[in-house]
Structures are given as C-alpha cells and as structure tokens.
Amino acid sequence: MIYIKSDSEIALMRYAGKVTGEVLNLLEKYIKPGITTKELDEIAEDYIRSKDCVPAFKGLYGFPATICASINNEVVHGIPGLRRLKEGDIISIDTGAIYHGFNGDAARTFAVGKISDNLKKLIDVTKQSFFEGIKMATEQHRLSDISNAIQIYVEKNGFSVVREYVGHGIGKKMHEDPQIPNYGPPGRGPRLSSGMALAIEPMVNEGRYNVKIEDNNWTVVTVDGSSSAHYENTIIITKGEPEILTLV
C-alpha cells in the first residue's frame, strides 16, 4: 500500500533529506586518491549524528556501515573497508539519514582525480537520467512514465539500465511501496498523487545490464566487469513540480 505523507511528516522528511544531501556534498570534498572507504564512512556517520539524525543504513537488514561505497564495476551495496581510492576510479556513495523516525535517501557517483571521458559521460548520463525521469513525476502521470523516461535517455546515450535493483517509496521505512524500476513501458502502475514520497535511483552500466552479488552477500557488481554509476534523490510529489528533498 502506498502511504501518502502529511505536511508534518513531509517536514520531518525534508530535514532528513537535507542532512542526507549535505553528507554527500561533504564527502565529495574528501574523495581523493589515497583515502579509504572506511574513512569516508566515519566522516559520514559523524556528520549525520552531529545533525541530530541516525544513519539510516547502519544495521538496515544487517548492513554494517553508514554508506554504501561502490567502486568502478561495483553497482550498489559496497561495504566500506581498507580499500584506498586510486586516480581514475569512480565511486558511488549511497547513504541516508533518519530524523524523528523518517528517512532520507540519496546517492551520487564521484570521480577520483582525473577519469576517462567515457566515465565522465557515464556519470553525467546517469545523473541526467534522474532529471529526465522526474519530468514525469507529476499528478497527471503514472509511475512507469518515470521508469520509461529514464530508460529512453540512458539507452539513447549508449549505456544500459540495471534491472534487478529499483527505486522505492520511502517514509517511516527506508523501503516502502511502490517499487520504481528504471526501465519499462509508459502508462502503467499507480497514478502519482500529491504527498507520495519516492526515492528514484537510476543505476547505469557502461556495458551490459547484467549484475551479480559477490561472495560477501552484499556487493553487487557488473557481470561483464564494466563500470557502473548511481544517482538518487528523495522526492515528494506535489500539486505542481516535484520537490527534491536531498539536493542541497
């Protein structure tokens, strides 16, 4: 069941989203060759707690960290550790904050130093596909209109959309109804309504869309070894244009 948020609940989500966006902006300043993903995780947790919030990912389904840190061919759910970033890497960071019981969720992919032109394009296309999708995030559209817009933009630019992992509703729980694929035909699913809270998150592969889970039972990687990028924001459907809570 899709849960429509009240104005007071959206206000709490607005703060959780603001802190989530701020964390990603902060981490971008530290993403340089030589830093470990564990160090990034510690920075994120300290910041979230300093803002009267709780890390949303830590302990969620047993996940051990504040951020998901996914490097190069890792798509999502990379576990922070002692791996050091290298010049030419890309890293996708997904994180969230809980404020008074309500969640914010967002992800970005960052360049580590100088990266190839194709990786720059991958990051840019993934980000823009989100914005193409939310052009459809209005009350006159259905849920799959968002999905279709993302897929069309990504594939037009020569990349592929991950099928197995999708966006989702969000609120008191990190993952609520509805699921939001990043691909599919338009005109399907529920009609969008003011007060819906959605986490829309294109995951885009440089090569084929096929993925697999590594032996740690968390980290998702591309089957063909190609790089992957991730871009996500929490949004609220309104009577007009959608409100993006995690873009600060």
C-alpha atoms as a PDB file:
ATOM      1  CA  MET A   1       0.000   0.000   0.000  1.00  0.00           C
ATOM      2  CA  ILE A   2       1.270   3.451  -0.915  1.00  0.00           C
ATOM      3  CA  TYR A   3       1.339   5.732   2.101  1.00  0.00           C
ATOM      4  CA  ILE A   4       0.555   9.417   1.439  1.00  0.00           C
ATOM      5  CA  LYS A   5       2.525  11.686   3.763  1.00  0.00           C
ATOM      6  CA  SER A   6       1.012  14.522   5.773  1.00  0.00           C
ATOM      7  CA  ASP A   7       2.505  18.017   5.813  1.00  0.00           C
ATOM      8  CA  SER A   8       4.064  17.378   9.231  1.00  0.00           C
ATOM      9  CA  GLU A   9       5.628  14.117   8.044  1.00  0.00           C
ATOM     10  CA  ILE A  10       6.995  15.789   4.925  1.00  0.00           C
ATOM     11  CA  ALA A  11       8.568  18.455   7.159  1.00  0.00           C
ATOM     12  CA  LEU A  12      10.471  15.734   9.044  1.00  0.00           C
ATOM     13  CA  MET A  13      11.485  14.090   5.771  1.00  0.00           C
ATOM     14  CA  ARG A  14      12.602  17.465   4.459  1.00  0.00           C
ATOM     15  CA  TYR A  15      15.150  17.728   7.288  1.00  0.00           C
ATOM     16  CA  ALA A  16      16.287  14.108   6.925  1.00  0.00           C
ATOM     17  CA  GLY A  17      16.705  14.725   3.205  1.00  0.00           C
ATOM     18  CA  LYS A  18      18.648  17.937   3.757  1.00  0.00           C
ATOM     19  CA  VAL A  19      21.127  16.171   6.047  1.00  0.00           C
ATOM     20  CA  THR A  20      21.482  13.302   3.563  1.00  0.00           C
ATOM     21  CA  GLY A  21      22.286  15.713   0.749  1.00  0.00           C
ATOM     22  CA  GLU A  22      24.732  17.604   2.942  1.00  0.00           C
ATOM     23  CA  VAL A  23      26.605  14.394   3.771  1.00  0.00           C
ATOM     24  CA  LEU A  24      27.168  13.654   0.093  1.00  0.00           C
ATOM     25  CA  ASN A  25      28.363  17.199  -0.544  1.00  0.00           C
ATOM     26  CA  LEU A  26      30.758  16.862   2.390  1.00  0.00           C
ATOM     27  CA  LEU A  27      32.134  13.524   1.235  1.00  0.00           C
ATOM     28  CA  GLU A  28      32.855  14.907  -2.230  1.00  0.00           C
ATOM     29  CA  LYS A  29      35.499  17.169  -0.653  1.00  0.00           C
ATOM     30  CA  TYR A  30      37.337  14.134   0.764  1.00  0.00           C
ATOM     31  CA  ILE A  31      37.175  11.874  -2.295  1.00  0.00           C
ATOM     32  CA  LYS A  32      40.776  11.871  -3.491  1.00  0.00           C
ATOM     33  CA  PRO A  33      43.364   9.203  -4.283  1.00  0.00           C
ATOM     34  CA  GLY A  34      44.597   7.538  -1.082  1.00  0.00           C
ATOM     35  CA  ILE A  35      41.559   7.833   1.163  1.00  0.00           C
ATOM     36  CA  THR A  36      39.913   4.606   2.318  1.00  0.00           C
ATOM     37  CA  THR A  37      36.213   3.907   2.070  1.00  0.00           C
ATOM     38  CA  LYS A  38      36.211   3.255   5.832  1.00  0.00           C
ATOM     39  CA  GLU A  39      37.450   6.803   6.418  1.00  0.00           C
ATOM     40  CA  LEU A  40      34.628   8.130   4.236  1.00  0.00           C
ATOM     41  CA  ASP A  41      32.154   6.057   6.223  1.00  0.00           C
ATOM     42  CA  GLU A  42      33.390   7.507   9.512  1.00  0.00           C
ATOM     43  CA  ILE A  43      33.095  11.059   8.177  1.00  0.00           C
ATOM     44  CA  ALA A  44      29.522  10.375   7.079  1.00  0.00           C
ATOM     45  CA  GLU A  45      28.436   8.821  10.360  1.00  0.00           C
ATOM     46  CA  ASP A  46      29.957  11.628  12.434  1.00  0.00           C
ATOM     47  CA  TYR A  47      28.186  14.254  10.333  1.00  0.00           C
ATOM     48  CA  ILE A  48      24.784  12.569  10.390  1.00  0.00           C
ATOM     49  CA  ARG A  49      24.885  12.130  14.177  1.00  0.00           C
ATOM     50  CA  SER A  50      26.041  15.732  14.644  1.00  0.00           C
ATOM     51  CA  LYS A  51      22.800  16.857  12.982  1.00  0.00           C
ATOM     52  CA  ASP A  52      20.514  15.038  15.444  1.00  0.00           C
ATOM     53  CA  CYS A  53      19.917  12.224  12.959  1.00  0.00           C
ATOM     54  CA  VAL A  54      20.672   8.495  12.882  1.00  0.00           C
ATOM     55  CA  PRO A  55      22.460   6.760   9.972  1.00  0.00           C
ATOM     56  CA  ALA A  56      19.650   5.065   8.057  1.00  0.00           C
ATOM     57  CA  PHE A  57      21.744   2.288   6.529  1.00  0.00           C
ATOM     58  CA  LYS A  58      23.703   1.129   9.569  1.00  0.00           C
ATOM     59  CA  GLY A  59      22.027  -2.085  10.722  1.00  0.00           C
ATOM     60  CA  LEU A  60      19.376  -1.977   7.975  1.00  0.00           C
ATOM     61  CA  TYR A  61      18.868  -5.643   7.000  1.00  0.00           C
ATOM     62  CA  GLY A  62      22.185  -6.218   8.765  1.00  0.00           C
ATOM     63  CA  PHE A  63      24.259  -3.783   6.659  1.00  0.00           C
ATOM     64  CA  PRO A  64      27.347  -2.844   8.720  1.00  0.00           C
ATOM     65  CA  ALA A  65      28.021   0.753   7.686  1.00  0.00           C
ATOM     66  CA  THR A  66      26.647   4.277   7.211  1.00  0.00           C
ATOM     67  CA  ILE A  67      27.412   4.463   3.482  1.00  0.00           C
ATOM     68  CA  CYS A  68      27.388   2.031   0.617  1.00  0.00           C
ATOM     69  CA  ALA A  69      30.701   2.630  -1.184  1.00  0.00           C
ATOM     70  CA  SER A  70      30.770   1.014  -4.625  1.00  0.00           C
ATOM     71  CA  ILE A  71      33.880   1.408  -6.785  1.00  0.00           C
ATOM     72  CA  ASN A  72      34.154   1.050 -10.576  1.00  0.00           C
ATOM     73  CA  ASN A  73      32.345  -2.196 -11.530  1.00  0.00           C
ATOM     74  CA  GLU A  74      30.523  -2.301  -8.177  1.00  0.00           C
ATOM     75  CA  VAL A  75      26.934  -1.192  -8.724  1.00  0.00           C
ATOM     76  CA  VAL A  76      25.484  -0.885  -5.211  1.00  0.00           C
ATOM     77  CA  HIS A  77      25.885  -2.102  -1.614  1.00  0.00           C
ATOM     78  CA  GLY A  78      29.677  -1.950  -1.474  1.00  0.00           C
ATOM     79  CA  ILE A  79      30.869  -2.319   2.115  1.00  0.00           C
ATOM     80  CA  PRO A  80      33.366   0.312   3.324  1.00  0.00           C
ATOM     81  CA  GLY A  81      36.765  -1.024   4.351  1.00  0.00           C
ATOM     82  CA  LEU A  82      40.511  -0.512   3.954  1.00  0.00           C
ATOM     83  CA  ARG A  83      40.492  -0.229   0.168  1.00  0.00           C
ATOM     84  CA  ARG A  84      42.112   3.030  -0.929  1.00  0.00           C
ATOM     85  CA  LEU A  85      40.759   5.042  -3.806  1.00  0.00           C
ATOM     86  CA  LYS A  86      43.028   5.385  -6.837  1.00  0.00           C
ATOM     87  CA  GLU A  87      43.384   8.000  -9.540  1.00  0.00           C
ATOM     88  CA  GLY A  88      40.917   7.197 -12.306  1.00  0.00           C
ATOM     89  CA  ASP A  89      38.413   5.328 -10.109  1.00  0.00           C
ATOM     90  CA  ILE A  90      34.777   6.250  -9.816  1.00  0.00           C
ATOM     91  CA  ILE A  91      32.912   5.688  -6.558  1.00  0.00           C
ATOM     92  CA  SER A  92      29.172   5.558  -5.983  1.00  0.00           C
ATOM     93  CA  ILE A  93      28.106   6.529  -2.478  1.00  0.00           C
ATOM     94  CA  ASP A  94      24.574   5.790  -1.279  1.00  0.00           C
ATOM     95  CA  THR A  95      23.529   6.941   2.181  1.00  0.00           C
ATOM     96  CA  GLY A  96      20.586   8.034   4.280  1.00  0.00           C
ATOM     97  CA  ALA A  97      19.595   9.763   7.498  1.00  0.00           C
ATOM     98  CA  ILE A  98      16.672   9.244   9.868  1.00  0.00           C
ATOM     99  CA  TYR A  99      15.136  12.232  11.669  1.00  0.00           C
ATOM    100  CA  HIS A 100      12.393  11.592  14.231  1.00  0.00           C
ATOM    101  CA  GLY A 101      11.577   8.299  12.544  1.00  0.00           C
ATOM    102  CA  PHE A 102      11.541   9.486   8.921  1.00  0.00           C
ATOM    103  CA  ASN A 103      14.102   8.632   6.256  1.00  0.00           C
ATOM    104  CA  GLY A 104      16.068  10.477   3.613  1.00  0.00           C
ATOM    105  CA  ASP A 105      17.961   8.556   0.917  1.00  0.00           C
ATOM    106  CA  ALA A 106      20.309   9.694  -1.857  1.00  0.00           C
ATOM    107  CA  ALA A 107      23.268   8.567  -3.948  1.00  0.00           C
ATOM    108  CA  ARG A 108      25.932  10.145  -6.135  1.00  0.00           C
ATOM    109  CA  THR A 109      28.826   8.866  -8.248  1.00  0.00           C
ATOM    110  CA  PHE A 110      32.090  10.790  -7.929  1.00  0.00           C
ATOM    111  CA  ALA A 111      35.298  10.888  -9.945  1.00  0.00           C
ATOM    112  CA  VAL A 112      38.540  10.124  -8.117  1.00  0.00           C
ATOM    113  CA  GLY A 113      41.038  12.527  -9.642  1.00  0.00           C
ATOM    114  CA  LYS A 114      41.152  12.506 -13.435  1.00  0.00           C
ATOM    115  CA  ILE A 115      38.913   9.925 -15.118  1.00  0.00           C
ATOM    116  CA  SER A 116      38.315   8.873 -18.718  1.00  0.00           C
ATOM    117  CA  ASP A 117      35.929  10.756 -20.964  1.00  0.00           C
ATOM    118  CA  ASN A 118      33.604   7.749 -21.153  1.00  0.00           C
ATOM    119  CA  LEU A 119      33.388   7.536 -17.353  1.00  0.00           C
ATOM    120  CA  LYS A 120      32.604  11.252 -17.221  1.00  0.00           C
ATOM    121  CA  LYS A 121      29.830  10.617 -19.720  1.00  0.00           C
ATOM    122  CA  LEU A 122      28.564   7.655 -17.681  1.00  0.00           C
ATOM    123  CA  ILE A 123      28.304   9.803 -14.538  1.00  0.00           C
ATOM    124  CA  ASP A 124      26.658  12.687 -16.402  1.00  0.00           C
ATOM    125  CA  VAL A 125      24.131  10.481 -18.219  1.00  0.00           C
ATOM    126  CA  THR A 126      23.195   8.684 -15.000  1.00  0.00           C
ATOM    127  CA  LYS A 127      22.581  11.995 -13.239  1.00  0.00           C
ATOM    128  CA  GLN A 128      20.622  13.485 -16.123  1.00  0.00           C
ATOM    129  CA  SER A 129      18.503  10.334 -16.448  1.00  0.00           C
ATOM    130  CA  PHE A 130      17.160  11.063 -12.963  1.00  0.00           C
ATOM    131  CA  PHE A 131      16.123  14.548 -14.071  1.00  0.00           C
ATOM    132  CA  GLU A 132      14.572  13.154 -17.255  1.00  0.00           C
ATOM    133  CA  GLY A 133      12.603  10.764 -15.054  1.00  0.00           C
ATOM    134  CA  ILE A 134      11.251  13.373 -12.671  1.00  0.00           C
ATOM    135  CA  LYS A 135       9.871  15.398 -15.554  1.00  0.00           C
ATOM    136  CA  MET A 136       7.197  12.695 -15.367  1.00  0.00           C
ATOM    137  CA  ALA A 137       6.825  12.948 -11.561  1.00  0.00           C
ATOM    138  CA  THR A 138       3.597  14.924 -11.610  1.00  0.00           C
ATOM    139  CA  GLU A 139      -0.015  14.132 -10.831  1.00  0.00           C
ATOM    140  CA  GLN A 140      -1.026  13.716 -14.475  1.00  0.00           C
ATOM    141  CA  HIS A 141       1.379  10.776 -14.934  1.00  0.00           C
ATOM    142  CA  ARG A 142       1.639   7.151 -13.874  1.00  0.00           C
ATOM    143  CA  LEU A 143       4.581   5.591 -12.071  1.00  0.00           C
ATOM    144  CA  SER A 144       6.054   3.810 -15.083  1.00  0.00           C
ATOM    145  CA  ASP A 145       6.235   7.083 -17.005  1.00  0.00           C
ATOM    146  CA  ILE A 146       9.212   7.893 -14.754  1.00  0.00           C
ATOM    147  CA  SER A 147      10.768   4.496 -15.472  1.00  0.00           C
ATOM    148  CA  ASN A 148      10.328   4.802 -19.220  1.00  0.00           C
ATOM    149  CA  ALA A 149      11.842   8.292 -19.396  1.00  0.00           C
ATOM    150  CA  ILE A 150      14.950   7.091 -17.540  1.00  0.00           C
ATOM    151  CA  GLN A 151      15.420   4.073 -19.793  1.00  0.00           C
ATOM    152  CA  ILE A 152      14.975   6.008 -23.023  1.00  0.00           C
ATOM    153  CA  TYR A 153      17.560   8.617 -22.032  1.00  0.00           C
ATOM    154  CA  VAL A 154      20.137   6.085 -20.815  1.00  0.00           C
ATOM    155  CA  GLU A 155      19.895   3.809 -23.838  1.00  0.00           C
ATOM    156  CA  LYS A 156      19.908   6.747 -26.261  1.00  0.00           C
ATOM    157  CA  ASN A 157      23.336   7.570 -24.822  1.00  0.00           C
ATOM    158  CA  GLY A 158      24.714   4.050 -25.293  1.00  0.00           C
ATOM    159  CA  PHE A 159      24.521   2.716 -21.745  1.00  0.00           C
ATOM    160  CA  SER A 160      22.291   0.134 -20.034  1.00  0.00           C
ATOM    161  CA  VAL A 161      19.876   0.246 -17.097  1.00  0.00           C
ATOM    162  CA  VAL A 162      20.204  -2.243 -14.233  1.00  0.00           C
ATOM    163  CA  ARG A 163      17.060  -4.361 -13.960  1.00  0.00           C
ATOM    164  CA  GLU A 164      17.413  -6.174 -10.623  1.00  0.00           C
ATOM    165  CA  TYR A 165      17.582  -3.092  -8.366  1.00  0.00           C
ATOM    166  CA  VAL A 166      14.985  -0.343  -8.356  1.00  0.00           C
ATOM    167  CA  GLY A 167      13.826   2.814  -6.657  1.00  0.00           C
ATOM    168  CA  HIS A 168      11.152   2.765  -3.976  1.00  0.00           C
ATOM    169  CA  GLY A 169       8.703   4.580  -1.804  1.00  0.00           C
ATOM    170  CA  ILE A 170      10.171   5.991   1.395  1.00  0.00           C
ATOM    171  CA  GLY A 171       8.982   7.385   4.732  1.00  0.00           C
ATOM    172  CA  LYS A 172       8.929   5.750   8.145  1.00  0.00           C
ATOM    173  CA  LYS A 173      10.624   2.824   6.435  1.00  0.00           C
ATOM    174  CA  MET A 174      13.552   3.107   4.080  1.00  0.00           C
ATOM    175  CA  HIS A 175      11.790   0.866   1.566  1.00  0.00           C
ATOM    176  CA  GLU A 176       8.047   1.297   1.116  1.00  0.00           C
ATOM    177  CA  ASP A 177       5.643   0.742  -1.763  1.00  0.00           C
ATOM    178  CA  PRO A 178       5.781   1.322  -4.651  1.00  0.00           C
ATOM    179  CA  GLN A 179       8.827  -0.176  -6.329  1.00  0.00           C
ATOM    180  CA  ILE A 180      10.119   2.091  -9.108  1.00  0.00           C
ATOM    181  CA  PRO A 181      12.024   0.313 -11.895  1.00  0.00           C
ATOM    182  CA  ASN A 182      14.340   2.398 -14.051  1.00  0.00           C
ATOM    183  CA  TYR A 183      13.035   0.777 -17.230  1.00  0.00           C
ATOM    184  CA  GLY A 184       9.770  -0.356 -18.791  1.00  0.00           C
ATOM    185  CA  PRO A 185       6.834   0.857 -20.893  1.00  0.00           C
ATOM    186  CA  PRO A 186       4.977   4.071 -20.035  1.00  0.00           C
ATOM    187  CA  GLY A 187       1.422   4.414 -18.767  1.00  0.00           C
ATOM    188  CA  ARG A 188       1.440   1.656 -16.172  1.00  0.00           C
ATOM    189  CA  GLY A 189       1.275   1.459 -12.402  1.00  0.00           C
ATOM    190  CA  PRO A 190      -0.479   3.775  -9.970  1.00  0.00           C
ATOM    191  CA  ARG A 191      -1.266   7.352 -10.865  1.00  0.00           C
ATOM    192  CA  LEU A 192       1.011   9.724  -8.996  1.00  0.00           C
ATOM    193  CA  SER A 193      -0.605  11.703  -6.177  1.00  0.00           C
ATOM    194  CA  SER A 194       0.419  14.674  -4.081  1.00  0.00           C
ATOM    195  CA  GLY A 195       2.078  13.509  -0.862  1.00  0.00           C
ATOM    196  CA  MET A 196       3.781  10.434  -2.312  1.00  0.00           C
ATOM    197  CA  ALA A 197       7.435  10.187  -1.223  1.00  0.00           C
ATOM    198  CA  LEU A 198       9.687   8.399  -3.696  1.00  0.00           C
ATOM    199  CA  ALA A 199      13.381   7.541  -3.879  1.00  0.00           C
ATOM    200  CA  ILE A 200      14.221   7.488  -7.585  1.00  0.00           C
ATOM    201  CA  GLU A 201      17.617   5.992  -8.319  1.00  0.00           C
ATOM    202  CA  PRO A 202      18.925   5.143 -11.772  1.00  0.00           C
ATOM    203  CA  MET A 203      21.766   2.595 -11.742  1.00  0.00           C
ATOM    204  CA  VAL A 204      23.504   2.640 -15.112  1.00  0.00           C
ATOM    205  CA  ASN A 205      26.167   0.324 -16.510  1.00  0.00           C
ATOM    206  CA  GLU A 206      28.830   1.215 -19.043  1.00  0.00           C
ATOM    207  CA  GLY A 207      28.367  -2.219 -20.631  1.00  0.00           C
ATOM    208  CA  ARG A 208      25.569  -4.765 -20.347  1.00  0.00           C
ATOM    209  CA  TYR A 209      22.912  -4.503 -17.634  1.00  0.00           C
ATOM    210  CA  ASN A 210      23.541  -7.932 -16.080  1.00  0.00           C
ATOM    211  CA  VAL A 211      24.731  -7.952 -12.450  1.00  0.00           C
ATOM    212  CA  LYS A 212      25.623 -10.470  -9.744  1.00  0.00           C
ATOM    213  CA  ILE A 213      26.216 -10.456  -5.971  1.00  0.00           C
ATOM    214  CA  GLU A 214      29.728 -11.079  -4.663  1.00  0.00           C
ATOM    215  CA  ASP A 215      30.624 -13.655  -2.003  1.00  0.00           C
ATOM    216  CA  ASN A 216      30.091 -11.174   0.862  1.00  0.00           C
ATOM    217  CA  ASN A 217      26.346 -11.379   0.036  1.00  0.00           C
ATOM    218  CA  TRP A 218      26.133  -7.598  -0.289  1.00  0.00           C
ATOM    219  CA  THR A 219      28.219  -6.056  -3.047  1.00  0.00           C
ATOM    220  CA  VAL A 220      26.539  -6.057  -6.461  1.00  0.00           C
ATOM    221  CA  VAL A 221      28.900  -5.977  -9.468  1.00  0.00           C
ATOM    222  CA  THR A 222      28.512  -5.932 -13.234  1.00  0.00           C
ATOM    223  CA  VAL A 223      28.857  -9.369 -14.806  1.00  0.00           C
ATOM    224  CA  ASP A 224      30.997  -8.058 -17.681  1.00  0.00           C
ATOM    225  CA  GLY A 225      33.309  -6.022 -15.417  1.00  0.00           C
ATOM    226  CA  SER A 226      32.235  -2.677 -16.867  1.00  0.00           C
ATOM    227  CA  SER A 227      31.877   0.375 -14.644  1.00  0.00           C
ATOM    228  CA  SER A 228      28.576   1.461 -13.123  1.00  0.00           C
ATOM    229  CA  ALA A 229      27.148   4.760 -11.854  1.00  0.00           C
ATOM    230  CA  HIS A 230      24.309   5.600  -9.457  1.00  0.00           C
ATOM    231  CA  TYR A 231      22.306   8.772  -8.860  1.00  0.00           C
ATOM    232  CA  GLU A 232      19.417   9.068  -6.409  1.00  0.00           C
ATOM    233  CA  ASN A 233      17.247  11.631  -4.675  1.00  0.00           C
ATOM    234  CA  THR A 234      14.238  11.501  -2.389  1.00  0.00           C
ATOM    235  CA  ILE A 235      11.344  13.467  -3.877  1.00  0.00           C
ATOM    236  CA  ILE A 236       7.805  14.450  -2.896  1.00  0.00           C
ATOM    237  CA  ILE A 237       5.002  14.522  -5.454  1.00  0.00           C
ATOM    238  CA  THR A 238       3.141  17.839  -5.164  1.00  0.00           C
ATOM    239  CA  LYS A 239       0.291  19.624  -6.929  1.00  0.00           C
ATOM    240  CA  GLY A 240       2.935  21.091  -9.232  1.00  0.00           C
ATOM    241  CA  GLU A 241       6.572  20.190  -9.823  1.00  0.00           C
ATOM    242  CA  PRO A 242       8.135  17.517  -7.565  1.00  0.00           C
ATOM    243  CA  GLU A 243      10.099  18.686  -4.535  1.00  0.00           C
ATOM    244  CA  ILE A 244      13.604  17.216  -4.300  1.00  0.00           C
ATOM    245  CA  LEU A 245      14.472  16.802  -0.621  1.00  0.00           C
ATOM    246  CA  THR A 246      18.079  15.623  -0.910  1.00  0.00           C
ATOM    247  CA  LEU A 247      19.501  18.143  -3.387  1.00  0.00           C
ATOM    248  CA  VAL A 248      21.196  20.880  -1.343  1.00  0.00           C
END
